[in-house]
Amino acid sequence: MIDIFTVVMPHVLMAIAVWRLLGRDELDNDPILPSPTSTLVRRTKNKAMRGEETPGA
């Protein structure tokens, strides 16, 4: 009984740690990369500067 407990308990704790890490918001946003919205704004500004039709205008 003790042997099964000593094998199962670390695996359960690691599973809980991974579950909590996957729920963090920092995994979705990389501060080094530009955000998708800033890229979209930049593309829209570049199109407007070239005289192309902008969406919503």
PDB file of N, CA and C in Angstrom:
ATOM      1  N   MET A   1       0.823  -1.195   0.000  1.00  0.00           N
ATOM      2  CA  MET A   1       0.000   0.000   0.000  1.00  0.00           C
ATOM      3  C   MET A   1       0.868   1.261   0.000  1.00  0.00           C
ATOM      4  N   ILE A   2       1.915   1.278   0.807  1.00  0.00           N
ATOM      5  CA  ILE A   2       2.792   2.441   0.874  1.00  0.00           C
ATOM      6  C   ILE A   2       3.507   2.650  -0.450  1.00  0.00           C
ATOM      7  N   ASP A   3       3.904   1.583  -1.125  1.00  0.00           N
ATOM      8  CA  ASP A   3       4.614   1.712  -2.399  1.00  0.00           C
ATOM      9  C   ASP A   3       3.736   2.361  -3.469  1.00  0.00           C
ATOM     10  N   ILE A   4       2.482   1.989  -3.533  1.00  0.00           N
ATOM     11  CA  ILE A   4       1.568   2.577  -4.516  1.00  0.00           C
ATOM     12  C   ILE A   4       1.357   4.056  -4.209  1.00  0.00           C
ATOM     13  N   PHE A   5       1.215   4.372  -2.935  1.00  0.00           N
ATOM     14  CA  PHE A   5       1.016   5.765  -2.538  1.00  0.00           C
ATOM     15  C   PHE A   5       2.220   6.624  -2.922  1.00  0.00           C
ATOM     16  N   THR A   6       3.436   6.119  -2.703  1.00  0.00           N
ATOM     17  CA  THR A   6       4.629   6.899  -2.999  1.00  0.00           C
ATOM     18  C   THR A   6       4.847   7.072  -4.500  1.00  0.00           C
ATOM     19  N   VAL A   7       4.254   6.237  -5.315  1.00  0.00           N
ATOM     20  CA  VAL A   7       4.358   6.385  -6.765  1.00  0.00           C
ATOM     21  C   VAL A   7       3.263   7.318  -7.283  1.00  0.00           C
ATOM     22  N   VAL A   8       2.072   7.198  -6.741  1.00  0.00           N
ATOM     23  CA  VAL A   8       0.925   7.954  -7.239  1.00  0.00           C
ATOM     24  C   VAL A   8       0.967   9.413  -6.778  1.00  0.00           C
ATOM     25  N   MET A   9       1.363   9.667  -5.546  1.00  0.00           N
ATOM     26  CA  MET A   9       1.306  11.022  -4.995  1.00  0.00           C
ATOM     27  C   MET A   9       2.158  12.031  -5.783  1.00  0.00           C
ATOM     28  N   PRO A  10       3.409  11.765  -6.143  1.00  0.00           N
ATOM     29  CA  PRO A  10       4.163  12.748  -6.944  1.00  0.00           C
ATOM     30  C   PRO A  10       3.529  12.990  -8.317  1.00  0.00           C
ATOM     31  N   HIS A  11       2.953  11.969  -8.916  1.00  0.00           N
ATOM     32  CA  HIS A  11       2.315  12.144 -10.215  1.00  0.00           C
ATOM     33  C   HIS A  11       1.073  13.020 -10.102  1.00  0.00           C
ATOM     34  N   VAL A  12       0.337  12.852  -9.045  1.00  0.00           N
ATOM     35  CA  VAL A  12      -0.849  13.686  -8.825  1.00  0.00           C
ATOM     36  C   VAL A  12      -0.422  15.141  -8.613  1.00  0.00           C
ATOM     37  N   LEU A  13       0.629  15.350  -7.826  1.00  0.00           N
ATOM     38  CA  LEU A  13       1.099  16.711  -7.578  1.00  0.00           C
ATOM     39  C   LEU A  13       1.630  17.356  -8.855  1.00  0.00           C
ATOM     40  N   MET A  14       2.333  16.604  -9.678  1.00  0.00           N
ATOM     41  CA  MET A  14       2.816  17.145 -10.958  1.00  0.00           C
ATOM     42  C   MET A  14       1.653  17.466 -11.892  1.00  0.00           C
ATOM     43  N   ALA A  15       0.623  16.631 -11.902  1.00  0.00           N
ATOM     44  CA  ALA A  15      -0.541  16.900 -12.741  1.00  0.00           C
ATOM     45  C   ALA A  15      -1.243  18.176 -12.294  1.00  0.00           C
ATOM     46  N   ILE A  16      -1.348  18.383 -10.998  1.00  0.00           N
ATOM     47  CA  ILE A  16      -1.963  19.615 -10.483  1.00  0.00           C
ATOM     48  C   ILE A  16      -1.118  20.829 -10.868  1.00  0.00           C
ATOM     49  N   ALA A  17       0.205  20.707 -10.764  1.00  0.00           N
ATOM     50  CA  ALA A  17       1.086  21.826 -11.123  1.00  0.00           C
ATOM     51  C   ALA A  17       0.954  22.162 -12.609  1.00  0.00           C
ATOM     52  N   VAL A  18       0.925  21.157 -13.477  1.00  0.00           N
ATOM     53  CA  VAL A  18       0.776  21.395 -14.915  1.00  0.00           C
ATOM     54  C   VAL A  18      -0.576  22.018 -15.206  1.00  0.00           C
ATOM     55  N   TRP A  19      -1.616  21.545 -14.563  1.00  0.00           N
ATOM     56  CA  TRP A  19      -2.966  22.089 -14.763  1.00  0.00           C
ATOM     57  C   TRP A  19      -3.005  23.577 -14.399  1.00  0.00           C
ATOM     58  N   ARG A  20      -2.360  23.936 -13.283  1.00  0.00           N
ATOM     59  CA  ARG A  20      -2.344  25.340 -12.869  1.00  0.00           C
ATOM     60  C   ARG A  20      -1.494  26.197 -13.799  1.00  0.00           C
ATOM     61  N   LEU A  21      -0.379  25.653 -14.289  1.00  0.00           N
ATOM     62  CA  LEU A  21       0.472  26.409 -15.213  1.00  0.00           C
ATOM     63  C   LEU A  21      -0.230  26.656 -16.543  1.00  0.00           C
ATOM     64  N   LEU A  22      -0.986  25.700 -17.023  1.00  0.00           N
ATOM     65  CA  LEU A  22      -1.681  25.870 -18.293  1.00  0.00           C
ATOM     66  C   LEU A  22      -2.787  26.915 -18.227  1.00  0.00           C
ATOM     67  N   GLY A  23      -3.270  27.213 -17.049  1.00  0.00           N
ATOM     68  CA  GLY A  23      -4.330  28.199 -16.887  1.00  0.00           C
ATOM     69  C   GLY A  23      -3.836  29.627 -16.760  1.00  0.00           C
ATOM     70  N   ARG A  24      -2.533  29.834 -16.772  1.00  0.00           N
ATOM     71  CA  ARG A  24      -1.993  31.182 -16.587  1.00  0.00           C
ATOM     72  C   ARG A  24      -2.107  32.003 -17.864  1.00  0.00           C
ATOM     73  N   ASP A  25      -2.349  33.301 -17.716  1.00  0.00           N
ATOM     74  CA  ASP A  25      -2.485  34.201 -18.857  1.00  0.00           C
ATOM     75  C   ASP A  25      -1.140  34.508 -19.518  1.00  0.00           C
ATOM     76  N   GLU A  26      -0.055  34.379 -18.771  1.00  0.00           N
ATOM     77  CA  GLU A  26       1.258  34.696 -19.330  1.00  0.00           C
ATOM     78  C   GLU A  26       1.627  33.763 -20.483  1.00  0.00           C
ATOM     79  N   LEU A  27       1.024  32.583 -20.531  1.00  0.00           N
ATOM     80  CA  LEU A  27       1.331  31.653 -21.614  1.00  0.00           C
ATOM     81  C   LEU A  27       0.750  32.119 -22.941  1.00  0.00           C
ATOM     82  N   ASP A  28      -0.291  32.932 -22.905  1.00  0.00           N
ATOM     83  CA  ASP A  28      -0.934  33.390 -24.125  1.00  0.00           C
ATOM     84  C   ASP A  28      -0.265  34.628 -24.720  1.00  0.00           C
ATOM     85  N   ASN A  29       0.407  35.397 -23.923  1.00  0.00           N
ATOM     86  CA  ASN A  29       0.979  36.665 -24.376  1.00  0.00           C
ATOM     87  C   ASN A  29       2.490  36.651 -24.193  1.00  0.00           C
ATOM     88  N   ASP A  30       3.216  36.819 -25.289  1.00  0.00           N
ATOM     89  CA  ASP A  30       4.665  36.927 -25.230  1.00  0.00           C
ATOM     90  C   ASP A  30       5.021  38.402 -25.358  1.00  0.00           C
ATOM     91  N   PRO A  31       5.651  38.988 -24.339  1.00  0.00           N
ATOM     92  CA  PRO A  31       5.926  40.429 -24.392  1.00  0.00           C
ATOM     93  C   PRO A  31       6.925  40.807 -25.480  1.00  0.00           C
ATOM     94  N   ILE A  32       7.705  39.876 -25.974  1.00  0.00           N
ATOM     95  CA  ILE A  32       8.694  40.187 -27.004  1.00  0.00           C
ATOM     96  C   ILE A  32       8.026  40.349 -28.366  1.00  0.00           C
ATOM     97  N   LEU A  33       7.037  39.524 -28.646  1.00  0.00           N
ATOM     98  CA  LEU A  33       6.356  39.569 -29.940  1.00  0.00           C
ATOM     99  C   LEU A  33       5.335  40.706 -29.978  1.00  0.00           C
ATOM    100  N   PRO A  34       5.104  41.299 -31.151  1.00  0.00           N
ATOM    101  CA  PRO A  34       4.074  42.341 -31.244  1.00  0.00           C
ATOM    102  C   PRO A  34       2.693  41.714 -31.106  1.00  0.00           C
ATOM    103  N   SER A  35       1.782  42.468 -30.547  1.00  0.00           N
ATOM    104  CA  SER A  35       0.427  41.952 -30.384  1.00  0.00           C
ATOM    105  C   SER A  35      -0.279  41.924 -31.738  1.00  0.00           C
ATOM    106  N   PRO A  36      -1.226  41.016 -31.935  1.00  0.00           N
ATOM    107  CA  PRO A  36      -1.934  40.944 -33.216  1.00  0.00           C
ATOM    108  C   PRO A  36      -2.699  42.221 -33.538  1.00  0.00           C
ATOM    109  N   THR A  37      -3.211  42.911 -32.534  1.00  0.00           N
ATOM    110  CA  THR A  37      -3.971  44.136 -32.807  1.00  0.00           C
ATOM    111  C   THR A  37      -3.053  45.248 -33.294  1.00  0.00           C
ATOM    112  N   SER A  38      -1.835  45.329 -32.754  1.00  0.00           N
ATOM    113  CA  SER A  38      -0.927  46.376 -33.227  1.00  0.00           C
ATOM    114  C   SER A  38      -0.490  46.093 -34.656  1.00  0.00           C
ATOM    115  N   THR A  39      -0.344  44.826 -35.020  1.00  0.00           N
ATOM    116  CA  THR A  39      -0.001  44.467 -36.391  1.00  0.00           C
ATOM    117  C   THR A  39      -1.130  44.853 -37.335  1.00  0.00           C
ATOM    118  N   LEU A  40      -2.365  44.616 -36.924  1.00  0.00           N
ATOM    119  CA  LEU A  40      -3.520  44.958 -37.747  1.00  0.00           C
ATOM    120  C   LEU A  40      -3.616  46.468 -37.929  1.00  0.00           C
ATOM    121  N   VAL A  41      -3.386  47.227 -36.878  1.00  0.00           N
ATOM    122  CA  VAL A  41      -3.439  48.689 -36.964  1.00  0.00           C
ATOM    123  C   VAL A  41      -2.343  49.187 -37.899  1.00  0.00           C
ATOM    124  N   ARG A  42      -1.145  48.603 -37.806  1.00  0.00           N
ATOM    125  CA  ARG A  42      -0.037  49.011 -38.661  1.00  0.00           C
ATOM    126  C   ARG A  42      -0.352  48.730 -40.124  1.00  0.00           C
ATOM    127  N   ARG A  43      -0.958  47.568 -40.411  1.00  0.00           N
ATOM    128  CA  ARG A  43      -1.302  47.231 -41.791  1.00  0.00           C
ATOM    129  C   ARG A  43      -2.351  48.197 -42.332  1.00  0.00           C
ATOM    130  N   THR A  44      -3.328  48.532 -41.486  1.00  0.00           N
ATOM    131  CA  THR A  44      -4.378  49.452 -41.909  1.00  0.00           C
ATOM    132  C   THR A  44      -3.785  50.834 -42.203  1.00  0.00           C
ATOM    133  N   LYS A  45      -2.861  51.290 -41.356  1.00  0.00           N
ATOM    134  CA  LYS A  45      -2.233  52.591 -41.580  1.00  0.00           C
ATOM    135  C   LYS A  45      -1.399  52.575 -42.857  1.00  0.00           C
ATOM    136  N   ASN A  46      -0.691  51.483 -43.105  1.00  0.00           N
ATOM    137  CA  ASN A  46       0.117  51.392 -44.324  1.00  0.00           C
ATOM    138  C   ASN A  46      -0.762  51.422 -45.565  1.00  0.00           C
ATOM    139  N   LYS A  47      -1.895  50.744 -45.534  1.00  0.00           N
ATOM    140  CA  LYS A  47      -2.812  50.755 -46.671  1.00  0.00           C
ATOM    141  C   LYS A  47      -3.372  52.154 -46.884  1.00  0.00           C
ATOM    142  N   ALA A  48      -3.681  52.849 -45.796  1.00  0.00           N
ATOM    143  CA  ALA A  48      -4.222  54.199 -45.907  1.00  0.00           C
ATOM    144  C   ALA A  48      -3.175  55.144 -46.475  1.00  0.00           C
ATOM    145  N   MET A  49      -1.929  54.934 -46.112  1.00  0.00           N
ATOM    146  CA  MET A  49      -0.861  55.794 -46.625  1.00  0.00           C
ATOM    147  C   MET A  49      -0.648  55.567 -48.122  1.00  0.00           C
ATOM    148  N   ARG A  50      -0.878  54.329 -48.581  1.00  0.00           N
ATOM    149  CA  ARG A  50      -0.705  54.036 -49.996  1.00  0.00           C
ATOM    150  C   ARG A  50      -1.936  54.401 -50.806  1.00  0.00           C
ATOM    151  N   GLY A  51      -3.010  54.786 -50.130  1.00  0.00           N
ATOM    152  CA  GLY A  51      -4.224  55.183 -50.826  1.00  0.00           C
ATOM    153  C   GLY A  51      -5.152  54.034 -51.127  1.00  0.00           C
ATOM    154  N   GLU A  52      -4.924  52.894 -50.513  1.00  0.00           N
ATOM    155  CA  GLU A  52      -5.803  51.752 -50.720  1.00  0.00           C
ATOM    156  C   GLU A  52      -7.040  51.896 -49.852  1.00  0.00           C
ATOM    157  N   GLU A  53      -8.051  51.147 -50.215  1.00  0.00           N
ATOM    158  CA  GLU A  53      -9.306  51.160 -49.461  1.00  0.00           C
ATOM    159  C   GLU A  53      -9.087  50.479 -48.129  1.00  0.00           C
ATOM    160  N   THR A  54      -9.524  51.135 -47.038  1.00  0.00           N
ATOM    161  CA  THR A  54      -9.404  50.543 -45.710  1.00  0.00           C
ATOM    162  C   THR A  54     -10.758  49.990 -45.291  1.00  0.00           C
ATOM    163  N   PRO A  55     -10.776  48.881 -44.571  1.00  0.00           N
ATOM    164  CA  PRO A  55     -12.053  48.331 -44.128  1.00  0.00           C
ATOM    165  C   PRO A  55     -12.727  49.251 -43.129  1.00  0.00           C
ATOM    166  N   GLY A  56     -14.007  49.415 -43.269  1.00  0.00           N
ATOM    167  CA  GLY A  56     -14.782  50.244 -42.365  1.00  0.00           C
ATOM    168  C   GLY A  56     -14.716  51.717 -42.694  1.00  0.00           C
ATOM    169  N   ALA A  57     -14.090  52.068 -43.763  1.00  0.00           N
ATOM    170  CA  ALA A  57     -13.993  53.493 -44.106  1.00  0.00           C
ATOM    171  C   ALA A  57     -14.957  53.837 -45.221  1.00  0.00           C
TER     172      ALA A  57
END
